[in-house]
């Protein structure tokens, strides 16, 4: 499967890439570590039709770019770690 590197960034001394892939009628966005493994389990997507409509209507929001920014933000703010902590807290009965 081919992909395009949409953004590269460094966080806490680690290098990351946000990549886009076209799968069927979808553009899928996901963050990866420099070794090629997923940075977290989150994956974001937009349909090709929505992306094209945004360009045709000169929308101020580019859906694909917004998802690239979201994937980066999830790594920078450790959203997966927050999710795992919340699950752990629930299992322990704390709130």
Protein backbone atom coordinates (compact mmCIF):
# COMPACT_ATOMS: atom_id res chain seq x y z
CA UNK A 1 0.00 0.00 0.00
CA UNK A 2 1.43 3.36 -0.96
CA UNK A 3 1.24 6.42 1.24
CA UNK A 4 2.20 10.07 1.26
CA UNK A 5 4.03 11.66 4.17
CA UNK A 6 1.90 14.69 4.98
CA UNK A 7 3.88 15.96 7.96
CA UNK A 8 7.02 15.06 9.91
CA UNK A 9 7.59 16.20 13.47
CA UNK A 10 9.61 15.47 16.60
CA UNK A 11 8.16 15.01 20.07
CA UNK A 12 10.02 14.04 23.25
CA UNK A 13 13.08 13.16 21.17
CA UNK A 14 11.14 10.80 18.87
CA UNK A 15 10.47 11.33 15.16
CA UNK A 16 7.00 10.88 13.74
CA UNK A 17 5.26 11.04 10.37
CA UNK A 18 1.62 11.67 9.61
CA UNK A 19 0.77 9.72 6.47
CA UNK A 20 -2.18 9.68 4.12
CA UNK A 21 -3.37 6.71 2.11
CA UNK A 22 -6.18 6.42 -0.40
CA UNK A 23 -8.31 3.35 0.25
CA UNK A 24 -11.37 3.01 -1.93
CA UNK A 25 -13.34 6.24 -1.65
CA UNK A 26 -11.50 7.32 1.50
CA UNK A 27 -8.41 9.31 2.37
CA UNK A 28 -7.06 7.80 5.58
CA UNK A 29 -4.71 9.65 7.93
CA UNK A 30 -2.54 7.98 10.60
CA UNK A 31 0.54 8.86 12.67
CA UNK A 32 3.60 6.59 12.63
CA UNK A 33 6.84 6.35 14.57
CA UNK A 34 10.11 6.59 12.64
CA UNK A 35 10.43 2.78 12.66
CA UNK A 36 7.18 2.54 10.68
CA UNK A 37 4.98 1.29 13.51
CA UNK A 38 1.77 3.06 14.39
CA UNK A 39 2.20 5.86 16.93
CA UNK A 40 -1.22 5.04 18.37
CA UNK A 41 -4.31 3.11 17.27
CA UNK A 42 -6.19 6.18 16.02
CA UNK A 43 -6.98 6.50 12.34
CA UNK A 44 -8.88 9.34 10.73
CA UNK A 45 -10.60 9.43 7.34
CA UNK A 46 -12.56 11.61 4.98
CA UNK A 47 -14.36 10.56 1.82
CA UNK A 48 -12.94 11.68 -1.51
CA UNK A 49 -16.29 13.34 -2.24
CA UNK A 50 -16.17 15.50 0.89
CA UNK A 51 -12.55 16.45 0.16
CA UNK A 52 -13.38 17.38 -3.45
CA UNK A 53 -16.48 19.34 -2.39
CA UNK A 54 -14.40 21.35 0.09
CA UNK A 55 -11.98 22.30 -2.69
CA UNK A 56 -14.74 23.08 -5.21
CA UNK A 57 -16.59 25.33 -2.78
CA UNK A 58 -13.40 27.05 -1.61
CA UNK A 59 -14.14 25.98 1.95
CA UNK A 60 -12.00 27.61 4.61
CA UNK A 61 -11.53 24.13 6.07
CA UNK A 62 -9.51 21.53 4.20
CA UNK A 63 -10.78 18.26 5.73
CA UNK A 64 -7.63 16.30 4.93
CA UNK A 65 -5.35 18.97 6.42
CA UNK A 66 -7.57 19.18 9.51
CA UNK A 67 -7.19 15.43 10.03
CA UNK A 68 -3.41 15.65 9.60
CA UNK A 69 -3.38 18.30 12.34
CA UNK A 70 -5.61 16.12 14.54
CA UNK A 71 -3.35 13.06 14.14
CA UNK A 72 -0.34 15.17 15.14
CA UNK A 73 -2.21 16.69 18.09
CA UNK A 74 -3.19 13.21 19.34
CA UNK A 75 0.50 12.23 19.48
CA UNK A 76 1.65 15.52 21.01
CA UNK A 77 -1.00 15.32 23.74
CA UNK A 78 -0.75 11.54 24.27
CA UNK A 79 -4.46 10.93 23.70
CA UNK A 80 -3.90 7.16 23.72
CA UNK A 81 -2.16 7.40 27.09
CA UNK A 82 -5.05 9.49 28.42
CA UNK A 83 -7.51 6.86 27.20
CA UNK A 84 -5.57 4.02 28.84
CA UNK A 85 -5.31 5.98 32.10
CA UNK A 86 -9.06 6.61 32.08
CA UNK A 87 -9.70 2.88 31.59
CA UNK A 88 -7.30 2.04 34.40
CA UNK A 89 -8.99 4.55 36.70
CA UNK A 90 -12.39 3.03 35.89
CA UNK A 91 -11.11 -0.46 36.64
CA UNK A 92 -9.76 0.77 40.00
CA UNK A 93 -13.06 2.48 40.73
CA UNK A 94 -11.58 5.97 40.94
CA UNK A 95 -13.09 8.99 39.24
